PDB file of N, CA and C in Angstrom:
ATOM      1  N   MET A   1       0.843  -1.178   0.000  1.00  0.00           N
ATOM      2  CA  MET A   1       0.000   0.000   0.000  1.00  0.00           C
ATOM      3  C   MET A   1       0.884   1.236   0.000  1.00  0.00           C
ATOM      4  N   ASN A   2       0.344   2.213  -0.621  1.00  0.00           N
ATOM      5  CA  ASN A   2       1.122   3.439  -0.620  1.00  0.00           C
ATOM      6  C   ASN A   2       0.642   4.362   0.500  1.00  0.00           C
ATOM      7  N   MET A   3       1.321   5.436   0.670  1.00  0.00           N
ATOM      8  CA  MET A   3       1.078   6.359   1.785  1.00  0.00           C
ATOM      9  C   MET A   3      -0.280   7.044   1.675  1.00  0.00           C
ATOM     10  N   LYS A   4      -0.714   7.298   0.453  1.00  0.00           N
ATOM     11  CA  LYS A   4      -1.978   8.004   0.237  1.00  0.00           C
ATOM     12  C   LYS A   4      -3.168   7.145   0.684  1.00  0.00           C
ATOM     13  N   THR A   5      -3.199   5.881   0.335  1.00  0.00           N
ATOM     14  CA  THR A   5      -4.302   5.015   0.745  1.00  0.00           C
ATOM     15  C   THR A   5      -4.273   4.758   2.240  1.00  0.00           C
ATOM     16  N   THR A   6      -3.098   4.709   2.824  1.00  0.00           N
ATOM     17  CA  THR A   6      -2.993   4.506   4.262  1.00  0.00           C
ATOM     18  C   THR A   6      -3.606   5.688   5.001  1.00  0.00           C
ATOM     19  N   LYS A   7      -3.347   6.881   4.535  1.00  0.00           N
ATOM     20  CA  LYS A   7      -3.928   8.084   5.160  1.00  0.00           C
ATOM     21  C   LYS A   7      -5.439   8.104   5.009  1.00  0.00           C
ATOM     22  N   SER A   8      -5.942   7.712   3.839  1.00  0.00           N
ATOM     23  CA  SER A   8      -7.393   7.724   3.627  1.00  0.00           C
ATOM     24  C   SER A   8      -8.071   6.665   4.492  1.00  0.00           C
ATOM     25  N   TYR A   9      -7.415   5.468   4.628  1.00  0.00           N
ATOM     26  CA  TYR A   9      -7.981   4.433   5.498  1.00  0.00           C
ATOM     27  C   TYR A   9      -7.996   4.888   6.963  1.00  0.00           C
ATOM     28  N   SER A  10      -6.931   5.533   7.374  1.00  0.00           N
ATOM     29  CA  SER A  10      -6.883   6.000   8.762  1.00  0.00           C
ATOM     30  C   SER A  10      -7.916   7.110   8.996  1.00  0.00           C
ATOM     31  N   ALA A  11      -8.173   7.935   7.999  1.00  0.00           N
ATOM     32  CA  ALA A  11      -9.191   8.980   8.132  1.00  0.00           C
ATOM     33  C   ALA A  11     -10.581   8.362   8.228  1.00  0.00           C
ATOM     34  N   ILE A  12     -10.847   7.330   7.440  1.00  0.00           N
ATOM     35  CA  ILE A  12     -12.144   6.648   7.489  1.00  0.00           C
ATOM     36  C   ILE A  12     -12.333   5.981   8.842  1.00  0.00           C
ATOM     37  N   ILE A  13     -11.295   5.308   9.334  1.00  0.00           N
ATOM     38  CA  ILE A  13     -11.372   4.651  10.643  1.00  0.00           C
ATOM     39  C   ILE A  13     -11.601   5.683  11.745  1.00  0.00           C
ATOM     40  N   ALA A  14     -10.966   6.850  11.650  1.00  0.00           N
ATOM     41  CA  ALA A  14     -11.154   7.908  12.653  1.00  0.00           C
ATOM     42  C   ALA A  14     -12.589   8.424  12.635  1.00  0.00           C
ATOM     43  N   LEU A  15     -13.166   8.584  11.450  1.00  0.00           N
ATOM     44  CA  LEU A  15     -14.554   9.050  11.350  1.00  0.00           C
ATOM     45  C   LEU A  15     -15.526   8.024  11.921  1.00  0.00           C
ATOM     46  N   ILE A  16     -15.290   6.759  11.642  1.00  0.00           N
ATOM     47  CA  ILE A  16     -16.153   5.709  12.182  1.00  0.00           C
ATOM     48  C   ILE A  16     -16.050   5.658  13.698  1.00  0.00           C
ATOM     49  N   ALA A  17     -14.832   5.777  14.214  1.00  0.00           N
ATOM     50  CA  ALA A  17     -14.632   5.760  15.666  1.00  0.00           C
ATOM     51  C   ALA A  17     -15.315   6.965  16.313  1.00  0.00           C
ATOM     52  N   ALA A  18     -15.255   8.100  15.668  1.00  0.00           N
ATOM     53  CA  ALA A  18     -15.918   9.296  16.209  1.00  0.00           C
ATOM     54  C   ALA A  18     -17.424   9.096  16.242  1.00  0.00           C
ATOM     55  N   GLY A  19     -17.973   8.440  15.233  1.00  0.00           N
ATOM     56  CA  GLY A  19     -19.409   8.165  15.207  1.00  0.00           C
ATOM     57  C   GLY A  19     -19.805   7.192  16.299  1.00  0.00           C
ATOM     58  N   ILE A  20     -18.993   6.196  16.557  1.00  0.00           N
ATOM     59  CA  ILE A  20     -19.285   5.212  17.602  1.00  0.00           C
ATOM     60  C   ILE A  20     -19.178   5.852  18.982  1.00  0.00           C
ATOM     61  N   ILE A  21     -18.202   6.706  19.164  1.00  0.00           N
ATOM     62  CA  ILE A  21     -18.016   7.353  20.467  1.00  0.00           C
ATOM     63  C   ILE A  21     -19.154   8.329  20.748  1.00  0.00           C
ATOM     64  N   SER A  22     -19.632   9.030  19.734  1.00  0.00           N
ATOM     65  CA  SER A  22     -20.700  10.014  19.960  1.00  0.00           C
ATOM     66  C   SER A  22     -22.068   9.363  20.105  1.00  0.00           C
ATOM     67  N   ALA A  23     -22.219   8.112  19.710  1.00  0.00           N
ATOM     68  CA  ALA A  23     -23.508   7.432  19.793  1.00  0.00           C
ATOM     69  C   ALA A  23     -24.032   7.298  21.218  1.00  0.00           C
ATOM     70  N   PRO A  24     -23.210   7.003  22.242  1.00  0.00           N
ATOM     71  CA  PRO A  24     -23.751   6.881  23.602  1.00  0.00           C
ATOM     72  C   PRO A  24     -24.341   8.182  24.148  1.00  0.00           C
ATOM     73  N   ALA A  25     -24.022   9.313  23.555  1.00  0.00           N
ATOM     74  CA  ALA A  25     -24.569  10.577  24.041  1.00  0.00           C
ATOM     75  C   ALA A  25     -26.070  10.661  23.775  1.00  0.00           C
ATOM     76  N   GLN A  26     -26.569   9.989  22.771  1.00  0.00           N
ATOM     77  CA  GLN A  26     -27.975  10.054  22.427  1.00  0.00           C
ATOM     78  C   GLN A  26     -28.894   9.494  23.503  1.00  0.00           C
ATOM     79  N   PRO A  27     -28.587   8.363  24.133  1.00  0.00           N
ATOM     80  CA  PRO A  27     -29.497   7.866  25.173  1.00  0.00           C
ATOM     81  C   PRO A  27     -29.648   8.844  26.337  1.00  0.00           C
ATOM     82  N   SER A  28     -28.596   9.565  26.705  1.00  0.00           N
ATOM     83  CA  SER A  28     -28.739  10.520  27.799  1.00  0.00           C
ATOM     84  C   SER A  28     -29.675  11.662  27.384  1.00  0.00           C
ATOM     85  N   GLU A  29     -29.580  12.089  26.137  1.00  0.00           N
ATOM     86  CA  GLU A  29     -30.497  13.116  25.646  1.00  0.00           C
ATOM     87  C   GLU A  29     -31.917  12.574  25.611  1.00  0.00           C
ATOM     88  N   LEU A  30     -32.050  11.325  25.225  1.00  0.00           N
ATOM     89  CA  LEU A  30     -33.356  10.691  25.177  1.00  0.00           C
ATOM     90  C   LEU A  30     -33.947  10.569  26.584  1.00  0.00           C
ATOM     91  N   ASP A  31     -33.102  10.198  27.541  1.00  0.00           N
ATOM     92  CA  ASP A  31     -33.569  10.119  28.926  1.00  0.00           C
ATOM     93  C   ASP A  31     -33.996  11.490  29.434  1.00  0.00           C
ATOM     94  N   GLN A  32     -33.245  12.524  29.068  1.00  0.00           N
ATOM     95  CA  GLN A  32     -33.591  13.887  29.481  1.00  0.00           C
ATOM     96  C   GLN A  32     -34.933  14.297  28.888  1.00  0.00           C
ATOM     97  N   LEU A  33     -35.148  13.979  27.611  1.00  0.00           N
ATOM     98  CA  LEU A  33     -36.422  14.308  26.970  1.00  0.00           C
ATOM     99  C   LEU A  33     -37.581  13.552  27.619  1.00  0.00           C
ATOM    100  N   LYS A  34     -37.356  12.297  27.964  1.00  0.00           N
ATOM    101  CA  LYS A  34     -38.397  11.505  28.617  1.00  0.00           C
ATOM    102  C   LYS A  34     -38.755  12.104  29.978  1.00  0.00           C
ATOM    103  N   SER A  35     -37.742  12.495  30.739  1.00  0.00           N
ATOM    104  CA  SER A  35     -38.033  13.074  32.058  1.00  0.00           C
ATOM    105  C   SER A  35     -38.749  14.416  31.917  1.00  0.00           C
ATOM    106  N   ASP A  36     -38.352  15.212  30.910  1.00  0.00           N
ATOM    107  CA  ASP A  36     -39.046  16.482  30.662  1.00  0.00           C
ATOM    108  C   ASP A  36     -40.503  16.242  30.293  1.00  0.00           C
ATOM    109  N   MET A  37     -40.746  15.228  29.469  1.00  0.00           N
ATOM    110  CA  MET A  37     -42.111  14.908  29.052  1.00  0.00           C
ATOM    111  C   MET A  37     -42.949  14.458  30.248  1.00  0.00           C
ATOM    112  N   GLN A  38     -42.372  13.654  31.129  1.00  0.00           N
ATOM    113  CA  GLN A  38     -43.101  13.204  32.312  1.00  0.00           C
ATOM    114  C   GLN A  38     -43.428  14.385  33.222  1.00  0.00           C
ATOM    115  N   THR A  39     -42.491  15.314  33.358  1.00  0.00           N
ATOM    116  CA  THR A  39     -42.733  16.507  34.163  1.00  0.00           C
ATOM    117  C   THR A  39     -43.871  17.337  33.577  1.00  0.00           C
ATOM    118  N   MET A  40     -43.873  17.497  32.254  1.00  0.00           N
ATOM    119  CA  MET A  40     -44.943  18.267  31.611  1.00  0.00           C
ATOM    120  C   MET A  40     -46.289  17.579  31.760  1.00  0.00           C
ATOM    121  N   GLN A  41     -46.310  16.243  31.657  1.00  0.00           N
ATOM    122  CA  GLN A  41     -47.569  15.519  31.833  1.00  0.00           C
ATOM    123  C   GLN A  41     -48.084  15.671  33.257  1.00  0.00           C
ATOM    124  N   LYS A  42     -47.181  15.650  34.218  1.00  0.00           N
ATOM    125  CA  LYS A  42     -47.570  15.831  35.620  1.00  0.00           C
ATOM    126  C   LYS A  42     -48.147  17.236  35.832  1.00  0.00           C
ATOM    127  N   ASN A  43     -47.491  18.242  35.252  1.00  0.00           N
ATOM    128  CA  ASN A  43     -47.983  19.615  35.371  1.00  0.00           C
ATOM    129  C   ASN A  43     -49.354  19.768  34.722  1.00  0.00           C
ATOM    130  N   MET A  44     -49.552  19.128  33.571  1.00  0.00           N
ATOM    131  CA  MET A  44     -50.852  19.204  32.891  1.00  0.00           C
ATOM    132  C   MET A  44     -51.948  18.573  33.744  1.00  0.00           C
ATOM    133  N   ALA A  45     -51.648  17.441  34.369  1.00  0.00           N
ATOM    134  CA  ALA A  45     -52.644  16.785  35.221  1.00  0.00           C
ATOM    135  C   ALA A  45     -52.997  17.678  36.403  1.00  0.00           C
ATOM    136  N   GLU A  46     -51.987  18.329  36.997  1.00  0.00           N
ATOM    137  CA  GLU A  46     -52.249  19.244  38.117  1.00  0.00           C
ATOM    138  C   GLU A  46     -53.107  20.425  37.664  1.00  0.00           C
ATOM    139  N   MET A  47     -52.809  20.976  36.476  1.00  0.00           N
ATOM    140  CA  MET A  47     -53.579  22.118  35.982  1.00  0.00           C
ATOM    141  C   MET A  47     -55.024  21.712  35.684  1.00  0.00           C
ATOM    142  N   GLN A  48     -55.213  20.537  35.113  1.00  0.00           N
ATOM    143  CA  GLN A  48     -56.571  20.085  34.829  1.00  0.00           C
ATOM    144  C   GLN A  48     -57.356  19.890  36.118  1.00  0.00           C
ATOM    145  N   GLN A  49     -56.698  19.378  37.156  1.00  0.00           N
ATOM    146  CA  GLN A  49     -57.364  19.203  38.442  1.00  0.00           C
ATOM    147  C   GLN A  49     -57.746  20.568  39.027  1.00  0.00           C
ATOM    148  N   LYS A  50     -56.859  21.535  38.896  1.00  0.00           N
ATOM    149  CA  LYS A  50     -57.146  22.877  39.410  1.00  0.00           C
ATOM    150  C   LYS A  50     -58.318  23.510  38.650  1.00  0.00           C
ATOM    151  N   ILE A  51     -58.374  23.302  37.345  1.00  0.00           N
ATOM    152  CA  ILE A  51     -59.492  23.831  36.552  1.00  0.00           C
ATOM    153  C   ILE A  51     -60.798  23.226  37.023  1.00  0.00           C
ATOM    154  N   ILE A  52     -60.799  21.933  37.279  1.00  0.00           N
ATOM    155  CA  ILE A  52     -62.014  21.272  37.759  1.00  0.00           C
ATOM    156  C   ILE A  52     -62.438  21.859  39.103  1.00  0.00           C
ATOM    157  N   GLU A  53     -61.469  22.086  40.006  1.00  0.00           N
ATOM    158  CA  GLU A  53     -61.795  22.672  41.317  1.00  0.00           C
ATOM    159  C   GLU A  53     -62.355  24.081  41.157  1.00  0.00           C
ATOM    160  N   LEU A  54     -61.763  24.881  40.261  1.00  0.00           N
ATOM    161  CA  LEU A  54     -62.245  26.250  40.060  1.00  0.00           C
ATOM    162  C   LEU A  54     -63.651  26.263  39.457  1.00  0.00           C
ATOM    163  N   GLU A  55     -63.932  25.339  38.559  1.00  0.00           N
ATOM    164  CA  GLU A  55     -65.280  25.275  37.991  1.00  0.00           C
ATOM    165  C   GLU A  55     -66.301  24.887  39.056  1.00  0.00           C
ATOM    166  N   LYS A  56     -65.902  24.003  39.978  1.00  0.00           N
ATOM    167  CA  LYS A  56     -66.804  23.637  41.070  1.00  0.00           C
ATOM    168  C   LYS A  56     -67.059  24.838  41.969  1.00  0.00           C
ATOM    169  N   GLU A  57     -65.996  25.619  42.257  1.00  0.00           N
ATOM    170  CA  GLU A  57     -66.158  26.834  43.074  1.00  0.00           C
ATOM    171  C   GLU A  57     -67.082  27.823  42.382  1.00  0.00           C
ATOM    172  N   LYS A  58     -66.913  27.963  41.075  1.00  0.00           N
ATOM    173  CA  LYS A  58     -67.725  28.918  40.319  1.00  0.00           C
ATOM    174  C   LYS A  58     -69.197  28.524  40.379  1.00  0.00           C
ATOM    175  N   SER A  59     -69.467  27.237  40.247  1.00  0.00           N
ATOM    176  CA  SER A  59     -70.863  26.803  40.297  1.00  0.00           C
ATOM    177  C   SER A  59     -71.422  26.945  41.709  1.00  0.00           C
ATOM    178  N   ALA A  60     -70.578  26.879  42.730  1.00  0.00           N
ATOM    179  CA  ALA A  60     -71.031  27.041  44.110  1.00  0.00           C
ATOM    180  C   ALA A  60     -71.377  28.500  44.412  1.00  0.00           C
ATOM    181  N   TRP A  61     -70.792  29.432  43.667  1.00  0.00           N
ATOM    182  CA  TRP A  61     -71.053  30.851  43.905  1.00  0.00           C
ATOM    183  C   TRP A  61     -72.450  31.266  43.455  1.00  0.00           C
ATOM    184  N   ALA A  62     -73.063  30.535  42.559  1.00  0.00           N
ATOM    185  CA  ALA A  62     -74.410  30.878  42.097  1.00  0.00           C
ATOM    186  C   ALA A  62     -75.370  30.748  43.272  1.00  0.00           C
ATOM    187  N   ALA A  63     -76.137  31.794  43.518  1.00  0.00           N
ATOM    188  CA  ALA A  63     -77.060  31.795  44.663  1.00  0.00           C
ATOM    189  C   ALA A  63     -78.171  30.774  44.418  1.00  0.00           C
ATOM    190  N   PRO A  64     -78.572  30.062  45.456  1.00  0.00           N
ATOM    191  CA  PRO A  64     -79.651  29.090  45.276  1.00  0.00           C
ATOM    192  C   PRO A  64     -80.965  29.801  44.962  1.00  0.00           C
ATOM    193  N   GLY A  65     -81.729  29.239  44.058  1.00  0.00           N
ATOM    194  CA  GLY A  65     -83.025  29.809  43.700  1.00  0.00           C
ATOM    195  C   GLY A  65     -82.951  30.807  42.562  1.00  0.00           C
ATOM    196  N   THR A  66     -81.767  31.097  42.057  1.00  0.00           N
ATOM    197  CA  THR A  66     -81.646  32.018  40.921  1.00  0.00           C
ATOM    198  C   THR A  66     -81.120  31.241  39.729  1.00  0.00           C
ATOM    199  N   ASN A  67     -81.424  31.754  38.591  1.00  0.00           N
ATOM    200  CA  ASN A  67     -80.953  31.114  37.374  1.00  0.00           C
ATOM    201  C   ASN A  67     -79.721  31.875  36.901  1.00  0.00           C
ATOM    202  N   ALA A  68     -78.536  31.404  37.251  1.00  0.00           N
ATOM    203  CA  ALA A  68     -77.301  32.101  36.913  1.00  0.00           C
ATOM    204  C   ALA A  68     -77.005  32.037  35.415  1.00  0.00           C
ATOM    205  N   ALA A  69     -77.514  31.034  34.734  1.00  0.00           N
ATOM    206  CA  ALA A  69     -77.244  30.897  33.306  1.00  0.00           C
ATOM    207  C   ALA A  69     -77.994  31.948  32.497  1.00  0.00           C
ATOM    208  N   GLU A  70     -79.056  32.490  33.058  1.00  0.00           N
ATOM    209  CA  GLU A  70     -79.863  33.463  32.333  1.00  0.00           C
ATOM    210  C   GLU A  70     -79.098  34.759  32.121  1.00  0.00           C
ATOM    211  N   GLY A  71     -78.328  35.204  33.089  1.00  0.00           N
ATOM    212  CA  GLY A  71     -77.521  36.409  32.964  1.00  0.00           C
ATOM    213  C   GLY A  71     -78.345  37.665  33.193  1.00  0.00           C
ATOM    214  N   VAL A  72     -77.864  38.781  32.669  1.00  0.00           N
ATOM    215  CA  VAL A  72     -78.511  40.073  32.839  1.00  0.00           C
ATOM    216  C   VAL A  72     -79.511  40.279  31.711  1.00  0.00           C
ATOM    217  N   SER A  73     -80.714  40.714  32.056  1.00  0.00           N
ATOM    218  CA  SER A  73     -81.710  41.000  31.024  1.00  0.00           C
ATOM    219  C   SER A  73     -82.081  42.477  31.096  1.00  0.00           C
ATOM    220  N   PHE A  74     -82.186  43.102  29.935  1.00  0.00           N
ATOM    221  CA  PHE A  74     -82.532  44.512  29.859  1.00  0.00           C
ATOM    222  C   PHE A  74     -83.989  44.642  29.434  1.00  0.00           C
ATOM    223  N   LEU A  75     -84.720  45.437  30.156  1.00  0.00           N
ATOM    224  CA  LEU A  75     -86.129  45.669  29.851  1.00  0.00           C
ATOM    225  C   LEU A  75     -86.249  46.830  28.877  1.00  0.00           C
ATOM    226  N   PRO A  76     -87.241  46.811  27.995  1.00  0.00           N
ATOM    227  CA  PRO A  76     -87.412  47.938  27.078  1.00  0.00           C
ATOM    228  C   PRO A  76     -87.844  49.184  27.863  1.00  0.00           C
ATOM    229  N   PRO A  77     -87.579  50.369  27.331  1.00  0.00           N
ATOM    230  CA  PRO A  77     -87.988  51.584  28.044  1.00  0.00           C
ATOM    231  C   PRO A  77     -89.510  51.641  28.189  1.00  0.00           C
ATOM    232  N   THR A  78     -89.959  52.240  29.285  1.00  0.00           N
ATOM    233  CA  THR A  78     -91.398  52.308  29.535  1.00  0.00           C
ATOM    234  C   THR A  78     -92.081  53.324  28.640  1.00  0.00           C
ATOM    235  N   LYS A  79     -91.359  54.376  28.252  1.00  0.00           N
ATOM    236  CA  LYS A  79     -91.935  55.414  27.392  1.00  0.00           C
ATOM    237  C   LYS A  79     -91.305  55.282  26.010  1.00  0.00           C
ATOM    238  N   PRO A  80     -92.099  55.070  24.958  1.00  0.00           N
ATOM    239  CA  PRO A  80     -91.504  54.927  23.625  1.00  0.00           C
ATOM    240  C   PRO A  80     -90.894  56.240  23.159  1.00  0.00           C
ATOM    241  N   ILE A  81     -89.820  56.125  22.428  1.00  0.00           N
ATOM    242  CA  ILE A  81     -89.144  57.308  21.891  1.00  0.00           C
ATOM    243  C   ILE A  81     -89.702  57.571  20.498  1.00  0.00           C
ATOM    244  N   ILE A  82     -90.300  58.764  20.323  1.00  0.00           N
ATOM    245  CA  ILE A  82     -90.896  59.136  19.036  1.00  0.00           C
ATOM    246  C   ILE A  82     -89.959  60.138  18.371  1.00  0.00           C
ATOM    247  N   PRO A  83     -89.462  59.827  17.176  1.00  0.00           N
ATOM    248  CA  PRO A  83     -88.554  60.766  16.513  1.00  0.00           C
ATOM    249  C   PRO A  83     -89.302  62.011  16.047  1.00  0.00           C
ATOM    250  N   HIS A  84     -88.634  63.128  16.120  1.00  0.00           N
ATOM    251  CA  HIS A  84     -89.220  64.410  15.687  1.00  0.00           C
ATOM    252  C   HIS A  84     -88.564  64.831  14.386  1.00  0.00           C
ATOM    253  N   ALA A  85     -89.319  65.570  13.589  1.00  0.00           N
ATOM    254  CA  ALA A  85     -88.770  66.107  12.350  1.00  0.00           C
ATOM    255  C   ALA A  85     -87.736  67.167  12.683  1.00  0.00           C
ATOM    256  N   SER A  86     -86.762  67.321  11.817  1.00  0.00           N
ATOM    257  CA  SER A  86     -85.699  68.275  12.051  1.00  0.00           C
ATOM    258  C   SER A  86     -86.237  69.704  11.952  1.00  0.00           C
ATOM    259  N   ALA A  87     -85.725  70.593  12.779  1.00  0.00           N
ATOM    260  CA  ALA A  87     -86.141  71.998  12.748  1.00  0.00           C
ATOM    261  C   ALA A  87     -85.491  72.728  11.583  1.00  0.00           C
ATOM    262  N   ILE A  88     -84.495  72.174  10.975  1.00  0.00           N
ATOM    263  CA  ILE A  88     -83.806  72.805   9.852  1.00  0.00           C
ATOM    264  C   ILE A  88     -84.461  72.345   8.556  1.00  0.00           C
ATOM    265  N   ALA A  89     -84.861  73.313   7.765  1.00  0.00           N
ATOM    266  CA  ALA A  89     -85.532  72.993   6.499  1.00  0.00           C
ATOM    267  C   ALA A  89     -84.506  72.585   5.453  1.00  0.00           C
ATOM    268  N   ASP A  90     -84.853  71.623   4.637  1.00  0.00           N
ATOM    269  CA  ASP A  90     -83.989  71.169   3.555  1.00  0.00           C
ATOM    270  C   ASP A  90     -84.082  72.175   2.419  1.00  0.00           C
ATOM    271  N   ARG A  91     -82.946  72.713   1.975  1.00  0.00           N
ATOM    272  CA  ARG A  91     -82.966  73.760   0.950  1.00  0.00           C
ATOM    273  C   ARG A  91     -82.720  73.204  -0.443  1.00  0.00           C
ATOM    274  N   ASN A  92     -82.475  71.937  -0.578  1.00  0.00           N
ATOM    275  CA  ASN A  92     -82.229  71.305  -1.872  1.00  0.00           C
ATOM    276  C   ASN A  92     -81.174  72.059  -2.674  1.00  0.00           C
ATOM    277  N   ASN A  93     -80.097  72.431  -2.031  1.00  0.00           N
ATOM    278  CA  ASN A  93     -79.065  73.203  -2.727  1.00  0.00           C
ATOM    279  C   ASN A  93     -77.833  72.361  -3.060  1.00  0.00           C
ATOM    280  N   LEU A  94     -77.959  71.081  -2.985  1.00  0.00           N
ATOM    281  CA  LEU A  94     -76.835  70.228  -3.344  1.00  0.00           C
ATOM    282  C   LEU A  94     -76.822  70.105  -4.860  1.00  0.00           C
ATOM    283  N   ASN A  95     -75.804  70.649  -5.480  1.00  0.00           N
ATOM    284  CA  ASN A  95     -75.702  70.641  -6.923  1.00  0.00           C
ATOM    285  C   ASN A  95     -74.610  69.641  -7.294  1.00  0.00           C
ATOM    286  N   ASP A  96     -74.959  68.396  -7.432  1.00  0.00           N
ATOM    287  CA  ASP A  96     -74.004  67.338  -7.685  1.00  0.00           C
ATOM    288  C   ASP A  96     -73.817  67.173  -9.186  1.00  0.00           C
ATOM    289  N   GLN A  97     -72.691  67.688  -9.660  1.00  0.00           N
ATOM    290  CA  GLN A  97     -72.448  67.641 -11.099  1.00  0.00           C
ATOM    291  C   GLN A  97     -71.296  66.704 -11.449  1.00  0.00           C
ATOM    292  N   GLN A  98     -71.156  65.661 -10.719  1.00  0.00           N
ATOM    293  CA  GLN A  98     -70.077  64.713 -10.999  1.00  0.00           C
ATOM    294  C   GLN A  98     -70.429  63.890 -12.225  1.00  0.00           C
ATOM    295  N   GLU A  99     -69.424  63.631 -13.025  1.00  0.00           N
ATOM    296  CA  GLU A  99     -69.626  62.814 -14.211  1.00  0.00           C
ATOM    297  C   GLU A  99     -68.758  61.584 -14.115  1.00  0.00           C
ATOM    298  N   ALA A 100     -69.190  60.538 -14.762  1.00  0.00           N
ATOM    299  CA  ALA A 100     -68.432  59.296 -14.741  1.00  0.00           C
ATOM    300  C   ALA A 100     -67.148  59.459 -15.541  1.00  0.00           C
ATOM    301  N   ALA A 101     -66.166  58.680 -15.241  1.00  0.00           N
ATOM    302  CA  ALA A 101     -64.905  58.732 -15.949  1.00  0.00           C
ATOM    303  C   ALA A 101     -65.101  58.201 -17.366  1.00  0.00           C
ATOM    304  N   PRO A 102     -64.453  58.837 -18.338  1.00  0.00           N
ATOM    305  CA  PRO A 102     -64.611  58.353 -19.724  1.00  0.00           C
ATOM    306  C   PRO A 102     -63.974  56.977 -19.900  1.00  0.00           C
ATOM    307  N   ARG A 103     -64.599  56.172 -20.709  1.00  0.00           N
ATOM    308  CA  ARG A 103     -64.110  54.801 -20.927  1.00  0.00           C
ATOM    309  C   ARG A 103     -63.731  54.591 -22.355  1.00  0.00           C
TER     310      ARG A 103
END
């Protein structure tokens, strides 16, 4: 073998060794992601439980004998509003002389 092929073989072996050495780093990252996911799932379960408790509190605040779902109702005015004619007379002085654009 000549020197050139020996260098290329050693470079290939070095790259393969680097790939094998870096491979064990992936499981630790995977374990970290799994633990993060479990933490997020735990937080979500706690938040859902808190939402359920708050909804129960909200329903307990409704006074007994009232219909809380009905909400606020507005009654119409007792005296009808009758519109009056304007005190200003129309003078018909609008002289609209606009023309369409030529086509």
